[in-house]
Amino acid sequence: MQLENRPPSAHRRALIIWLAIYPLVTLGQLLLRPLIGDLPIPVSTLVLTLLVVPVAVYLVVPALTRANVRLSAARSRRVRPARS
């Protein structure tokens, strides 16, 4: 059985990206607050995004996208009856 090579819908992509960004930003704020908490907000945001964006783009979003493909394939196997 070959998986369809369709990209996820815009809504699903938005959810995948949010699932990557929200925890990374939260974790980044917790870890970096002692180091950059006294900097002006634009500078601390710059530092945070310099770390979060590459991690999200190169690691977390691709992993979540692969998981989405596996979940979608498993779901379509359950929904569609097997062809004889």
PDB file of N, CA and C in Angstrom:
ATOM      1  N   MET A   1       0.843  -1.186   0.000  1.00  0.00           N
ATOM      2  CA  MET A   1       0.000   0.000   0.000  1.00  0.00           C
ATOM      3  C   MET A   1       0.882   1.241   0.000  1.00  0.00           C
ATOM      4  N   GLN A   2       0.618   2.127  -0.935  1.00  0.00           N
ATOM      5  CA  GLN A   2       1.415   3.337  -1.051  1.00  0.00           C
ATOM      6  C   GLN A   2       0.667   4.504  -0.424  1.00  0.00           C
ATOM      7  N   LEU A   3       1.389   5.291   0.376  1.00  0.00           N
ATOM      8  CA  LEU A   3       0.770   6.456   1.015  1.00  0.00           C
ATOM      9  C   LEU A   3       0.597   7.571  -0.005  1.00  0.00           C
ATOM     10  N   GLU A   4      -0.494   8.287   0.114  1.00  0.00           N
ATOM     11  CA  GLU A   4      -0.693   9.435  -0.752  1.00  0.00           C
ATOM     12  C   GLU A   4       0.332  10.493  -0.387  1.00  0.00           C
ATOM     13  N   ASN A   5       0.839  11.168  -1.390  1.00  0.00           N
ATOM     14  CA  ASN A   5       1.885  12.162  -1.176  1.00  0.00           C
ATOM     15  C   ASN A   5       1.293  13.574  -1.211  1.00  0.00           C
ATOM     16  N   ARG A   6       0.178  13.745  -0.510  1.00  0.00           N
ATOM     17  CA  ARG A   6      -0.469  15.045  -0.439  1.00  0.00           C
ATOM     18  C   ARG A   6       0.019  15.799   0.785  1.00  0.00           C
ATOM     19  N   PRO A   7       0.258  17.096   0.634  1.00  0.00           N
ATOM     20  CA  PRO A   7       0.595  17.877   1.832  1.00  0.00           C
ATOM     21  C   PRO A   7      -0.642  18.024   2.711  1.00  0.00           C
ATOM     22  N   PRO A   8      -0.432  18.218   4.004  1.00  0.00           N
ATOM     23  CA  PRO A   8      -1.587  18.422   4.883  1.00  0.00           C
ATOM     24  C   PRO A   8      -2.311  19.715   4.528  1.00  0.00           C
ATOM     25  N   SER A   9      -3.560  19.798   4.921  1.00  0.00           N
ATOM     26  CA  SER A   9      -4.349  21.009   4.657  1.00  0.00           C
ATOM     27  C   SER A   9      -3.726  22.198   5.397  1.00  0.00           C
ATOM     28  N   ALA A  10      -4.141  23.382   5.004  1.00  0.00           N
ATOM     29  CA  ALA A  10      -3.629  24.595   5.656  1.00  0.00           C
ATOM     30  C   ALA A  10      -3.956  24.589   7.144  1.00  0.00           C
ATOM     31  N   HIS A  11      -5.130  24.088   7.501  1.00  0.00           N
ATOM     32  CA  HIS A  11      -5.515  24.040   8.910  1.00  0.00           C
ATOM     33  C   HIS A  11      -4.629  23.065   9.679  1.00  0.00           C
ATOM     34  N   ARG A  12      -4.349  21.920   9.086  1.00  0.00           N
ATOM     35  CA  ARG A  12      -3.499  20.929   9.753  1.00  0.00           C
ATOM     36  C   ARG A  12      -2.064  21.446   9.865  1.00  0.00           C
ATOM     37  N   ARG A  13      -1.557  22.116   8.812  1.00  0.00           N
ATOM     38  CA  ARG A  13      -0.202  22.698   8.879  1.00  0.00           C
ATOM     39  C   ARG A  13      -0.126  23.742   9.980  1.00  0.00           C
ATOM     40  N   ALA A  14      -1.167  24.581  10.090  1.00  0.00           N
ATOM     41  CA  ALA A  14      -1.184  25.604  11.149  1.00  0.00           C
ATOM     42  C   ALA A  14      -1.140  24.945  12.524  1.00  0.00           C
ATOM     43  N   LEU A  15      -1.894  23.870  12.695  1.00  0.00           N
ATOM     44  CA  LEU A  15      -1.886  23.157  13.973  1.00  0.00           C
ATOM     45  C   LEU A  15      -0.518  22.556  14.255  1.00  0.00           C
ATOM     46  N   ILE A  16       0.103  21.950  13.245  1.00  0.00           N
ATOM     47  CA  ILE A  16       1.442  21.357  13.413  1.00  0.00           C
ATOM     48  C   ILE A  16       2.444  22.432  13.822  1.00  0.00           C
ATOM     49  N   ILE A  17       2.407  23.568  13.149  1.00  0.00           N
ATOM     50  CA  ILE A  17       3.346  24.644  13.469  1.00  0.00           C
ATOM     51  C   ILE A  17       3.089  25.175  14.875  1.00  0.00           C
ATOM     52  N   TRP A  18       1.829  25.347  15.237  1.00  0.00           N
ATOM     53  CA  TRP A  18       1.517  25.819  16.589  1.00  0.00           C
ATOM     54  C   TRP A  18       1.990  24.814  17.630  1.00  0.00           C
ATOM     55  N   LEU A  19       1.784  23.515  17.362  1.00  0.00           N
ATOM     56  CA  LEU A  19       2.235  22.491  18.303  1.00  0.00           C
ATOM     57  C   LEU A  19       3.755  22.486  18.458  1.00  0.00           C
ATOM     58  N   ALA A  20       4.461  22.971  17.471  1.00  0.00           N
ATOM     59  CA  ALA A  20       5.916  23.094  17.574  1.00  0.00           C
ATOM     60  C   ALA A  20       6.313  24.373  18.295  1.00  0.00           C
ATOM     61  N   ILE A  21       5.715  25.478  17.904  1.00  0.00           N
ATOM     62  CA  ILE A  21       6.156  26.788  18.393  1.00  0.00           C
ATOM     63  C   ILE A  21       5.778  27.052  19.846  1.00  0.00           C
ATOM     64  N   TYR A  22       4.541  26.775  20.223  1.00  0.00           N
ATOM     65  CA  TYR A  22       4.096  27.123  21.574  1.00  0.00           C
ATOM     66  C   TYR A  22       4.974  26.492  22.666  1.00  0.00           C
ATOM     67  N   PRO A  23       5.205  25.177  22.635  1.00  0.00           N
ATOM     68  CA  PRO A  23       6.054  24.616  23.699  1.00  0.00           C
ATOM     69  C   PRO A  23       7.493  25.114  23.642  1.00  0.00           C
ATOM     70  N   LEU A  24       8.016  25.340  22.426  1.00  0.00           N
ATOM     71  CA  LEU A  24       9.392  25.830  22.322  1.00  0.00           C
ATOM     72  C   LEU A  24       9.523  27.247  22.864  1.00  0.00           C
ATOM     73  N   VAL A  25       8.562  28.102  22.580  1.00  0.00           N
ATOM     74  CA  VAL A  25       8.608  29.474  23.102  1.00  0.00           C
ATOM     75  C   VAL A  25       8.465  29.461  24.623  1.00  0.00           C
ATOM     76  N   THR A  26       7.554  28.653  25.127  1.00  0.00           N
ATOM     77  CA  THR A  26       7.358  28.566  26.574  1.00  0.00           C
ATOM     78  C   THR A  26       8.626  28.067  27.257  1.00  0.00           C
ATOM     79  N   LEU A  27       9.196  26.990  26.737  1.00  0.00           N
ATOM     80  CA  LEU A  27      10.429  26.447  27.301  1.00  0.00           C
ATOM     81  C   LEU A  27      11.579  27.447  27.180  1.00  0.00           C
ATOM     82  N   GLY A  28      11.661  28.090  26.021  1.00  0.00           N
ATOM     83  CA  GLY A  28      12.710  29.097  25.826  1.00  0.00           C
ATOM     84  C   GLY A  28      12.599  30.236  26.815  1.00  0.00           C
ATOM     85  N   GLN A  29      11.384  30.702  27.062  1.00  0.00           N
ATOM     86  CA  GLN A  29      11.193  31.778  28.035  1.00  0.00           C
ATOM     87  C   GLN A  29      11.612  31.337  29.432  1.00  0.00           C
ATOM     88  N   LEU A  30      11.239  30.122  29.793  1.00  0.00           N
ATOM     89  CA  LEU A  30      11.596  29.625  31.128  1.00  0.00           C
ATOM     90  C   LEU A  30      13.106  29.504  31.297  1.00  0.00           C
ATOM     91  N   LEU A  31      13.772  28.982  30.258  1.00  0.00           N
ATOM     92  CA  LEU A  31      15.213  28.760  30.361  1.00  0.00           C
ATOM     93  C   LEU A  31      16.030  30.040  30.203  1.00  0.00           C
ATOM     94  N   LEU A  32      15.546  30.945  29.371  1.00  0.00           N
ATOM     95  CA  LEU A  32      16.335  32.145  29.077  1.00  0.00           C
ATOM     96  C   LEU A  32      16.015  33.337  29.968  1.00  0.00           C
ATOM     97  N   ARG A  33      14.898  33.290  30.670  1.00  0.00           N
ATOM     98  CA  ARG A  33      14.499  34.439  31.490  1.00  0.00           C
ATOM     99  C   ARG A  33      15.617  34.903  32.430  1.00  0.00           C
ATOM    100  N   PRO A  34      16.325  33.998  33.121  1.00  0.00           N
ATOM    101  CA  PRO A  34      17.402  34.480  34.002  1.00  0.00           C
ATOM    102  C   PRO A  34      18.533  35.182  33.236  1.00  0.00           C
ATOM    103  N   LEU A  35      18.732  34.805  31.975  1.00  0.00           N
ATOM    104  CA  LEU A  35      19.836  35.382  31.200  1.00  0.00           C
ATOM    105  C   LEU A  35      19.434  36.651  30.453  1.00  0.00           C
ATOM    106  N   ILE A  36      18.200  36.697  29.950  1.00  0.00           N
ATOM    107  CA  ILE A  36      17.810  37.825  29.097  1.00  0.00           C
ATOM    108  C   ILE A  36      16.622  38.599  29.649  1.00  0.00           C
ATOM    109  N   GLY A  37      16.218  38.304  30.881  1.00  0.00           N
ATOM    110  CA  GLY A  37      15.033  38.938  31.462  1.00  0.00           C
ATOM    111  C   GLY A  37      15.139  40.445  31.597  1.00  0.00           C
ATOM    112  N   ASP A  38      16.348  40.967  31.754  1.00  0.00           N
ATOM    113  CA  ASP A  38      16.514  42.412  31.940  1.00  0.00           C
ATOM    114  C   ASP A  38      16.701  43.168  30.631  1.00  0.00           C
ATOM    115  N   LEU A  39      16.795  42.450  29.520  1.00  0.00           N
ATOM    116  CA  LEU A  39      16.958  43.112  28.227  1.00  0.00           C
ATOM    117  C   LEU A  39      15.628  43.705  27.775  1.00  0.00           C
ATOM    118  N   PRO A  40      15.691  44.702  26.913  1.00  0.00           N
ATOM    119  CA  PRO A  40      14.434  45.222  26.352  1.00  0.00           C
ATOM    120  C   PRO A  40      13.689  44.109  25.604  1.00  0.00           C
ATOM    121  N   ILE A  41      12.367  44.203  25.586  1.00  0.00           N
ATOM    122  CA  ILE A  41      11.546  43.155  24.981  1.00  0.00           C
ATOM    123  C   ILE A  41      11.961  42.841  23.537  1.00  0.00           C
ATOM    124  N   PRO A  42      12.214  43.842  22.671  1.00  0.00           N
ATOM    125  CA  PRO A  42      12.610  43.486  21.303  1.00  0.00           C
ATOM    126  C   PRO A  42      13.912  42.675  21.235  1.00  0.00           C
ATOM    127  N   VAL A  43      14.844  42.967  22.120  1.00  0.00           N
ATOM    128  CA  VAL A  43      16.114  42.240  22.125  1.00  0.00           C
ATOM    129  C   VAL A  43      15.918  40.826  22.674  1.00  0.00           C
ATOM    130  N   SER A  44      15.159  40.692  23.758  1.00  0.00           N
ATOM    131  CA  SER A  44      14.926  39.355  24.306  1.00  0.00           C
ATOM    132  C   SER A  44      14.119  38.505  23.327  1.00  0.00           C
ATOM    133  N   THR A  45      13.182  39.119  22.607  1.00  0.00           N
ATOM    134  CA  THR A  45      12.418  38.396  21.585  1.00  0.00           C
ATOM    135  C   THR A  45      13.340  37.960  20.447  1.00  0.00           C
ATOM    136  N   LEU A  46      14.258  38.808  20.063  1.00  0.00           N
ATOM    137  CA  LEU A  46      15.232  38.459  19.027  1.00  0.00           C
ATOM    138  C   LEU A  46      16.052  37.246  19.445  1.00  0.00           C
ATOM    139  N   VAL A  47      16.564  37.246  20.654  1.00  0.00           N
ATOM    140  CA  VAL A  47      17.366  36.121  21.143  1.00  0.00           C
ATOM    141  C   VAL A  47      16.518  34.843  21.179  1.00  0.00           C
ATOM    142  N   LEU A  48      15.327  34.952  21.701  1.00  0.00           N
ATOM    143  CA  LEU A  48      14.445  33.793  21.792  1.00  0.00           C
ATOM    144  C   LEU A  48      14.138  33.229  20.412  1.00  0.00           C
ATOM    145  N   THR A  49      13.797  34.094  19.462  1.00  0.00           N
ATOM    146  CA  THR A  49      13.459  33.599  18.126  1.00  0.00           C
ATOM    147  C   THR A  49      14.674  33.070  17.375  1.00  0.00           C
ATOM    148  N   LEU A  50      15.862  33.605  17.664  1.00  0.00           N
ATOM    149  CA  LEU A  50      17.075  33.068  17.047  1.00  0.00           C
ATOM    150  C   LEU A  50      17.298  31.606  17.440  1.00  0.00           C
ATOM    151  N   LEU A  51      16.825  31.228  18.602  1.00  0.00           N
ATOM    152  CA  LEU A  51      16.966  29.842  19.058  1.00  0.00           C
ATOM    153  C   LEU A  51      15.762  28.978  18.685  1.00  0.00           C
ATOM    154  N   VAL A  52      14.578  29.520  18.849  1.00  0.00           N
ATOM    155  CA  VAL A  52      13.361  28.725  18.661  1.00  0.00           C
ATOM    156  C   VAL A  52      13.089  28.411  17.190  1.00  0.00           C
ATOM    157  N   VAL A  53      13.241  29.383  16.313  1.00  0.00           N
ATOM    158  CA  VAL A  53      12.864  29.169  14.908  1.00  0.00           C
ATOM    159  C   VAL A  53      13.673  28.051  14.248  1.00  0.00           C
ATOM    160  N   PRO A  54      14.997  28.026  14.355  1.00  0.00           N
ATOM    161  CA  PRO A  54      15.726  26.902  13.726  1.00  0.00           C
ATOM    162  C   PRO A  54      15.360  25.539  14.324  1.00  0.00           C
ATOM    163  N   VAL A  55      15.184  25.482  15.628  1.00  0.00           N
ATOM    164  CA  VAL A  55      14.796  24.209  16.256  1.00  0.00           C
ATOM    165  C   VAL A  55      13.436  23.758  15.722  1.00  0.00           C
ATOM    166  N   ALA A  56      12.511  24.692  15.609  1.00  0.00           N
ATOM    167  CA  ALA A  56      11.181  24.352  15.098  1.00  0.00           C
ATOM    168  C   ALA A  56      11.250  23.927  13.636  1.00  0.00           C
ATOM    169  N   VAL A  57      11.938  24.708  12.812  1.00  0.00           N
ATOM    170  CA  VAL A  57      11.953  24.460  11.366  1.00  0.00           C
ATOM    171  C   VAL A  57      12.700  23.186  11.006  1.00  0.00           C
ATOM    172  N   TYR A  58      13.825  22.936  11.645  1.00  0.00           N
ATOM    173  CA  TYR A  58      14.669  21.808  11.241  1.00  0.00           C
ATOM    174  C   TYR A  58      14.429  20.535  12.040  1.00  0.00           C
ATOM    175  N   LEU A  59      13.854  20.625  13.222  1.00  0.00           N
ATOM    176  CA  LEU A  59      13.669  19.431  14.039  1.00  0.00           C
ATOM    177  C   LEU A  59      12.208  19.118  14.348  1.00  0.00           C
ATOM    178  N   VAL A  60      11.524  20.051  14.978  1.00  0.00           N
ATOM    179  CA  VAL A  60      10.211  19.748  15.540  1.00  0.00           C
ATOM    180  C   VAL A  60       9.118  19.670  14.468  1.00  0.00           C
ATOM    181  N   VAL A  61       9.034  20.641  13.570  1.00  0.00           N
ATOM    182  CA  VAL A  61       7.985  20.604  12.544  1.00  0.00           C
ATOM    183  C   VAL A  61       8.149  19.382  11.635  1.00  0.00           C
ATOM    184  N   PRO A  62       9.356  19.049  11.159  1.00  0.00           N
ATOM    185  CA  PRO A  62       9.471  17.824  10.354  1.00  0.00           C
ATOM    186  C   PRO A  62       9.061  16.563  11.122  1.00  0.00           C
ATOM    187  N   ALA A  63       9.407  16.483  12.398  1.00  0.00           N
ATOM    188  CA  ALA A  63       9.012  15.310  13.190  1.00  0.00           C
ATOM    189  C   ALA A  63       7.493  15.242  13.343  1.00  0.00           C
ATOM    190  N   LEU A  64       6.862  16.381  13.606  1.00  0.00           N
ATOM    191  CA  LEU A  64       5.404  16.400  13.728  1.00  0.00           C
ATOM    192  C   LEU A  64       4.732  16.105  12.387  1.00  0.00           C
ATOM    193  N   THR A  65       5.335  16.554  11.297  1.00  0.00           N
ATOM    194  CA  THR A  65       4.774  16.274   9.972  1.00  0.00           C
ATOM    195  C   THR A  65       4.853  14.786   9.665  1.00  0.00           C
ATOM    196  N   ARG A  66       5.974  14.150   9.996  1.00  0.00           N
ATOM    197  CA  ARG A  66       6.088  12.690   9.810  1.00  0.00           C
ATOM    198  C   ARG A  66       5.066  11.957  10.665  1.00  0.00           C
ATOM    199  N   ALA A  67       4.884  12.398  11.895  1.00  0.00           N
ATOM    200  CA  ALA A  67       3.889  11.772  12.771  1.00  0.00           C
ATOM    201  C   ALA A  67       2.485  11.951  12.183  1.00  0.00           C
ATOM    202  N   ASN A  68       2.218  13.114  11.611  1.00  0.00           N
ATOM    203  CA  ASN A  68       0.924  13.355  10.977  1.00  0.00           C
ATOM    204  C   ASN A  68       0.698  12.396   9.808  1.00  0.00           C
ATOM    205  N   VAL A  69       1.723  12.155   9.012  1.00  0.00           N
ATOM    206  CA  VAL A  69       1.601  11.216   7.885  1.00  0.00           C
ATOM    207  C   VAL A  69       1.287   9.816   8.399  1.00  0.00           C
ATOM    208  N   ARG A  70       2.013   9.391   9.435  1.00  0.00           N
ATOM    209  CA  ARG A  70       1.759   8.054   9.993  1.00  0.00           C
ATOM    210  C   ARG A  70       0.353   7.945  10.571  1.00  0.00           C
ATOM    211  N   LEU A  71      -0.077   8.968  11.304  1.00  0.00           N
ATOM    212  CA  LEU A  71      -1.427   8.945  11.873  1.00  0.00           C
ATOM    213  C   LEU A  71      -2.496   8.960  10.787  1.00  0.00           C
ATOM    214  N   SER A  72      -2.280   9.760   9.763  1.00  0.00           N
ATOM    215  CA  SER A  72      -3.256   9.824   8.672  1.00  0.00           C
ATOM    216  C   SER A  72      -3.332   8.497   7.931  1.00  0.00           C
ATOM    217  N   ALA A  73      -2.180   7.850   7.728  1.00  0.00           N
ATOM    218  CA  ALA A  73      -2.160   6.555   7.042  1.00  0.00           C
ATOM    219  C   ALA A  73      -2.873   5.501   7.878  1.00  0.00           C
ATOM    220  N   ALA A  74      -2.605   5.489   9.164  1.00  0.00           N
ATOM    221  CA  ALA A  74      -3.265   4.514  10.040  1.00  0.00           C
ATOM    222  C   ALA A  74      -4.764   4.764  10.078  1.00  0.00           C
ATOM    223  N   ARG A  75      -5.135   6.009  10.098  1.00  0.00           N
ATOM    224  CA  ARG A  75      -6.554   6.355  10.139  1.00  0.00           C
ATOM    225  C   ARG A  75      -7.243   5.953   8.832  1.00  0.00           C
ATOM    226  N   SER A  76      -6.585   6.185   7.699  1.00  0.00           N
ATOM    227  CA  SER A  76      -7.210   5.828   6.422  1.00  0.00           C
ATOM    228  C   SER A  76      -7.305   4.307   6.261  1.00  0.00           C
ATOM    229  N   ARG A  77      -6.372   3.570   6.842  1.00  0.00           N
ATOM    230  CA  ARG A  77      -6.459   2.097   6.790  1.00  0.00           C
ATOM    231  C   ARG A  77      -7.645   1.600   7.604  1.00  0.00           C
ATOM    232  N   ARG A  78      -7.946   2.274   8.722  1.00  0.00           N
ATOM    233  CA  ARG A  78      -9.081   1.877   9.554  1.00  0.00           C
ATOM    234  C   ARG A  78     -10.405   2.228   8.882  1.00  0.00           C
ATOM    235  N   VAL A  79     -10.446   3.352   8.189  1.00  0.00           N
ATOM    236  CA  VAL A  79     -11.690   3.844   7.622  1.00  0.00           C
ATOM    237  C   VAL A  79     -12.039   3.109   6.326  1.00  0.00           C
ATOM    238  N   ARG A  80     -11.049   2.907   5.464  1.00  0.00           N
ATOM    239  CA  ARG A  80     -11.296   2.293   4.172  1.00  0.00           C
ATOM    240  C   ARG A  80     -11.285   0.758   4.288  1.00  0.00           C
ATOM    241  N   PRO A  81     -12.279   0.102   3.721  1.00  0.00           N
ATOM    242  CA  PRO A  81     -12.230  -1.358   3.729  1.00  0.00           C
ATOM    243  C   PRO A  81     -11.144  -1.854   2.771  1.00  0.00           C
ATOM    244  N   ALA A  82     -10.558  -2.999   3.109  1.00  0.00           N
ATOM    245  CA  ALA A  82      -9.496  -3.558   2.274  1.00  0.00           C
ATOM    246  C   ALA A  82     -10.073  -4.012   0.948  1.00  0.00           C
ATOM    247  N   ARG A  83      -9.327  -3.729  -0.120  1.00  0.00           N
ATOM    248  CA  ARG A  83      -9.767  -4.157  -1.458  1.00  0.00           C
ATOM    249  C   ARG A  83      -9.279  -5.554  -1.739  1.00  0.00           C
ATOM    250  N   SER A  84     -10.103  -6.329  -2.390  1.00  0.00           N
ATOM    251  CA  SER A  84      -9.735  -7.708  -2.730  1.00  0.00           C
ATOM    252  C   SER A  84      -9.268  -7.793  -4.142  1.00  0.00           C
TER     253      SER A  84
END
